[in-house]
Amino acid sequence: MTIFMVATYVVKPEKLGEYMLFNKKGEPWIRSRQDLFKEVKSIKLFSHVTGSFGGFVEMWEFESLSEMEKWVDKYMKDKDYATYHPEFMALIVPETYSINIWTSVGELQ
C-alpha cells in the first residue's frame, strides 16, 4: 500500500529567494545520498498558484508505512539533518508547518 508523507508550509516572503536556492542545492544532495533515500519512491514539490502566497506542499512517496518509518528513523539520526532542518525552519513561517500521512483509496480519471 503506497503511503504519502505530505508536508505543507508557507515560506517567509522575504526568504523566498533563499528558499529557492535552498531547494536547488537539495536535489543534488538527495541524489548523492542514495544510502539515505533508498526507501523514498518519489518526491514532488508544489507551490500555490493562487491563494496563500508562498505556500508549498511536499509529497514524499513510500512503498509502505514501515518503509516510511525506516526512512524517518534513518533521516532523523543523519548528521546532515542537524544542518538541514534548522536552515529550512529559518525560511518558513513555523506555525504553518504540518506533516500528514496519506494513502491512496483509488484513482479518478
C-alpha atoms as a PDB file:
ATOM      1  CA  MET A   1       0.000   0.000   0.000  1.00  0.00           C
ATOM      2  CA  THR A   2       1.572   3.283  -1.121  1.00  0.00           C
ATOM      3  CA  ILE A   3       1.988   5.915   1.586  1.00  0.00           C
ATOM      4  CA  PHE A   4       2.462   9.639   1.084  1.00  0.00           C
ATOM      5  CA  MET A   5       4.048  11.891   3.668  1.00  0.00           C
ATOM      6  CA  VAL A   6       2.640  15.329   2.858  1.00  0.00           C
ATOM      7  CA  ALA A   7       4.255  18.446   4.337  1.00  0.00           C
ATOM      8  CA  THR A   8       2.683  21.882   3.931  1.00  0.00           C
ATOM      9  CA  TYR A   9       4.163  25.232   4.874  1.00  0.00           C
ATOM     10  CA  VAL A  10       4.460  28.903   3.938  1.00  0.00           C
ATOM     11  CA  VAL A  11       7.834  30.445   3.151  1.00  0.00           C
ATOM     12  CA  LYS A  12       8.513  33.836   4.722  1.00  0.00           C
ATOM     13  CA  PRO A  13       8.032  36.429   1.932  1.00  0.00           C
ATOM     14  CA  GLU A  14      11.488  37.951   2.495  1.00  0.00           C
ATOM     15  CA  LYS A  15      13.066  34.461   2.352  1.00  0.00           C
ATOM     16  CA  LEU A  16      11.526  33.218  -0.917  1.00  0.00           C
ATOM     17  CA  GLY A  17      14.752  33.704  -2.925  1.00  0.00           C
ATOM     18  CA  GLU A  18      16.804  31.904  -0.277  1.00  0.00           C
ATOM     19  CA  TYR A  19      14.241  29.093  -0.210  1.00  0.00           C
ATOM     20  CA  MET A  20      14.502  28.585  -3.977  1.00  0.00           C
ATOM     21  CA  LEU A  21      18.326  28.374  -3.722  1.00  0.00           C
ATOM     22  CA  PHE A  22      17.977  26.007  -0.760  1.00  0.00           C
ATOM     23  CA  ASN A  23      15.828  23.674  -2.885  1.00  0.00           C
ATOM     24  CA  LYS A  24      18.243  23.832  -5.828  1.00  0.00           C
ATOM     25  CA  LYS A  25      21.124  22.591  -3.699  1.00  0.00           C
ATOM     26  CA  GLY A  26      18.889  19.956  -2.096  1.00  0.00           C
ATOM     27  CA  GLU A  27      18.282  17.970  -5.280  1.00  0.00           C
ATOM     28  CA  PRO A  28      21.945  17.063  -5.981  1.00  0.00           C
ATOM     29  CA  TRP A  29      22.413  16.295  -2.288  1.00  0.00           C
ATOM     30  CA  ILE A  30      19.470  13.845  -2.331  1.00  0.00           C
ATOM     31  CA  ARG A  31      20.816  12.182  -5.496  1.00  0.00           C
ATOM     32  CA  SER A  32      24.264  11.842  -3.888  1.00  0.00           C
ATOM     33  CA  ARG A  33      22.825  10.217  -0.755  1.00  0.00           C
ATOM     34  CA  GLN A  34      21.116   7.141  -2.186  1.00  0.00           C
ATOM     35  CA  ASP A  35      22.013   5.304   1.036  1.00  0.00           C
ATOM     36  CA  LEU A  36      19.795   7.707   2.951  1.00  0.00           C
ATOM     37  CA  PHE A  37      16.941   7.982   0.446  1.00  0.00           C
ATOM     38  CA  LYS A  38      16.575   4.428  -0.913  1.00  0.00           C
ATOM     39  CA  GLU A  39      13.142   3.983   0.757  1.00  0.00           C
ATOM     40  CA  VAL A  40      11.781   7.105  -0.969  1.00  0.00           C
ATOM     41  CA  LYS A  41       9.987   6.266  -4.239  1.00  0.00           C
ATOM     42  CA  SER A  42       9.434   9.882  -5.290  1.00  0.00           C
ATOM     43  CA  ILE A  43       9.429  13.453  -4.017  1.00  0.00           C
ATOM     44  CA  LYS A  44       7.191  16.110  -5.533  1.00  0.00           C
ATOM     45  CA  LEU A  45       7.176  19.802  -4.649  1.00  0.00           C
ATOM     46  CA  PHE A  46       4.200  22.038  -5.396  1.00  0.00           C
ATOM     47  CA  SER A  47       3.727  25.777  -4.922  1.00  0.00           C
ATOM     48  CA  HIS A  48       0.427  27.606  -4.551  1.00  0.00           C
ATOM     49  CA  VAL A  49      -0.549  29.431  -7.710  1.00  0.00           C
ATOM     50  CA  THR A  50      -3.496  31.242  -6.139  1.00  0.00           C
ATOM     51  CA  GLY A  51      -4.465  31.750  -2.548  1.00  0.00           C
ATOM     52  CA  SER A  52      -1.762  31.636   0.094  1.00  0.00           C
ATOM     53  CA  PHE A  53       1.355  33.414  -1.232  1.00  0.00           C
ATOM     54  CA  GLY A  54       4.489  31.413  -0.551  1.00  0.00           C
ATOM     55  CA  GLY A  55       2.571  28.222   0.197  1.00  0.00           C
ATOM     56  CA  PHE A  56       4.283  24.922  -0.637  1.00  0.00           C
ATOM     57  CA  VAL A  57       3.394  21.248  -0.481  1.00  0.00           C
ATOM     58  CA  GLU A  58       5.966  18.439  -0.452  1.00  0.00           C
ATOM     59  CA  MET A  59       4.741  14.948  -1.265  1.00  0.00           C
ATOM     60  CA  TRP A  60       7.080  12.084  -0.339  1.00  0.00           C
ATOM     61  CA  GLU A  61       6.057   8.655  -1.651  1.00  0.00           C
ATOM     62  CA  PHE A  62       6.906   5.362   0.079  1.00  0.00           C
ATOM     63  CA  GLU A  63       6.071   1.727  -0.662  1.00  0.00           C
ATOM     64  CA  SER A  64       4.575   1.211   2.812  1.00  0.00           C
ATOM     65  CA  LEU A  65       4.233   2.735   6.259  1.00  0.00           C
ATOM     66  CA  SER A  66       7.130   0.592   7.526  1.00  0.00           C
ATOM     67  CA  GLU A  67       9.383   1.897   4.696  1.00  0.00           C
ATOM     68  CA  MET A  68       8.459   5.454   5.644  1.00  0.00           C
ATOM     69  CA  GLU A  69       9.161   4.787   9.324  1.00  0.00           C
ATOM     70  CA  LYS A  70      12.522   3.209   8.447  1.00  0.00           C
ATOM     71  CA  TRP A  71      13.448   6.284   6.399  1.00  0.00           C
ATOM     72  CA  VAL A  72      12.318   8.762   9.076  1.00  0.00           C
ATOM     73  CA  ASP A  73      14.364   6.934  11.709  1.00  0.00           C
ATOM     74  CA  LYS A  74      17.481   6.964   9.492  1.00  0.00           C
ATOM     75  CA  TYR A  75      16.972  10.565   8.421  1.00  0.00           C
ATOM     76  CA  MET A  76      16.489  11.937  11.931  1.00  0.00           C
ATOM     77  CA  LYS A  77      19.791  10.324  13.006  1.00  0.00           C
ATOM     78  CA  ASP A  78      21.757  11.507   9.963  1.00  0.00           C
ATOM     79  CA  LYS A  79      24.436  14.148  10.545  1.00  0.00           C
ATOM     80  CA  ASP A  80      23.143  16.280   7.640  1.00  0.00           C
ATOM     81  CA  TYR A  81      19.710  16.564   9.268  1.00  0.00           C
ATOM     82  CA  ALA A  82      21.228  18.641  12.086  1.00  0.00           C
ATOM     83  CA  THR A  83      22.280  21.234   9.484  1.00  0.00           C
ATOM     84  CA  TYR A  84      19.357  20.970   7.067  1.00  0.00           C
ATOM     85  CA  HIS A  85      16.438  21.210   9.493  1.00  0.00           C
ATOM     86  CA  PRO A  86      17.362  24.499  11.269  1.00  0.00           C
ATOM     87  CA  GLU A  87      18.237  26.076   7.906  1.00  0.00           C
ATOM     88  CA  PHE A  88      14.844  25.024   6.489  1.00  0.00           C
ATOM     89  CA  MET A  89      12.905  26.171   9.565  1.00  0.00           C
ATOM     90  CA  ALA A  90      14.539  29.633   9.361  1.00  0.00           C
ATOM     91  CA  LEU A  91      12.998  30.051   5.881  1.00  0.00           C
ATOM     92  CA  ILE A  92       9.388  29.211   6.720  1.00  0.00           C
ATOM     93  CA  VAL A  93       6.625  30.546   8.956  1.00  0.00           C
ATOM     94  CA  PRO A  94       6.902  27.871  11.693  1.00  0.00           C
ATOM     95  CA  GLU A  95       3.222  27.801  12.661  1.00  0.00           C
ATOM     96  CA  THR A  96       2.250  26.939   9.065  1.00  0.00           C
ATOM     97  CA  TYR A  97       4.319  23.723   9.001  1.00  0.00           C
ATOM     98  CA  SER A  98       2.408  20.459   9.155  1.00  0.00           C
ATOM     99  CA  ILE A  99       3.011  16.856   8.154  1.00  0.00           C
ATOM    100  CA  ASN A 100       0.272  14.347   7.404  1.00  0.00           C
ATOM    101  CA  ILE A 101       0.418  10.736   6.272  1.00  0.00           C
ATOM    102  CA  TRP A 102      -1.883   9.747   3.405  1.00  0.00           C
ATOM    103  CA  THR A 103      -2.703   6.582   1.500  1.00  0.00           C
ATOM    104  CA  SER A 104      -4.435   6.173  -1.845  1.00  0.00           C
ATOM    105  CA  VAL A 105      -8.025   4.937  -1.876  1.00  0.00           C
ATOM    106  CA  GLY A 106      -8.389   4.933  -5.668  1.00  0.00           C
ATOM    107  CA  GLU A 107      -7.960   6.926  -8.851  1.00  0.00           C
ATOM    108  CA  LEU A 108     -10.399   9.095 -10.750  1.00  0.00           C
ATOM    109  CA  GLN A 109      -9.982   9.787 -14.437  1.00  0.00           C
END
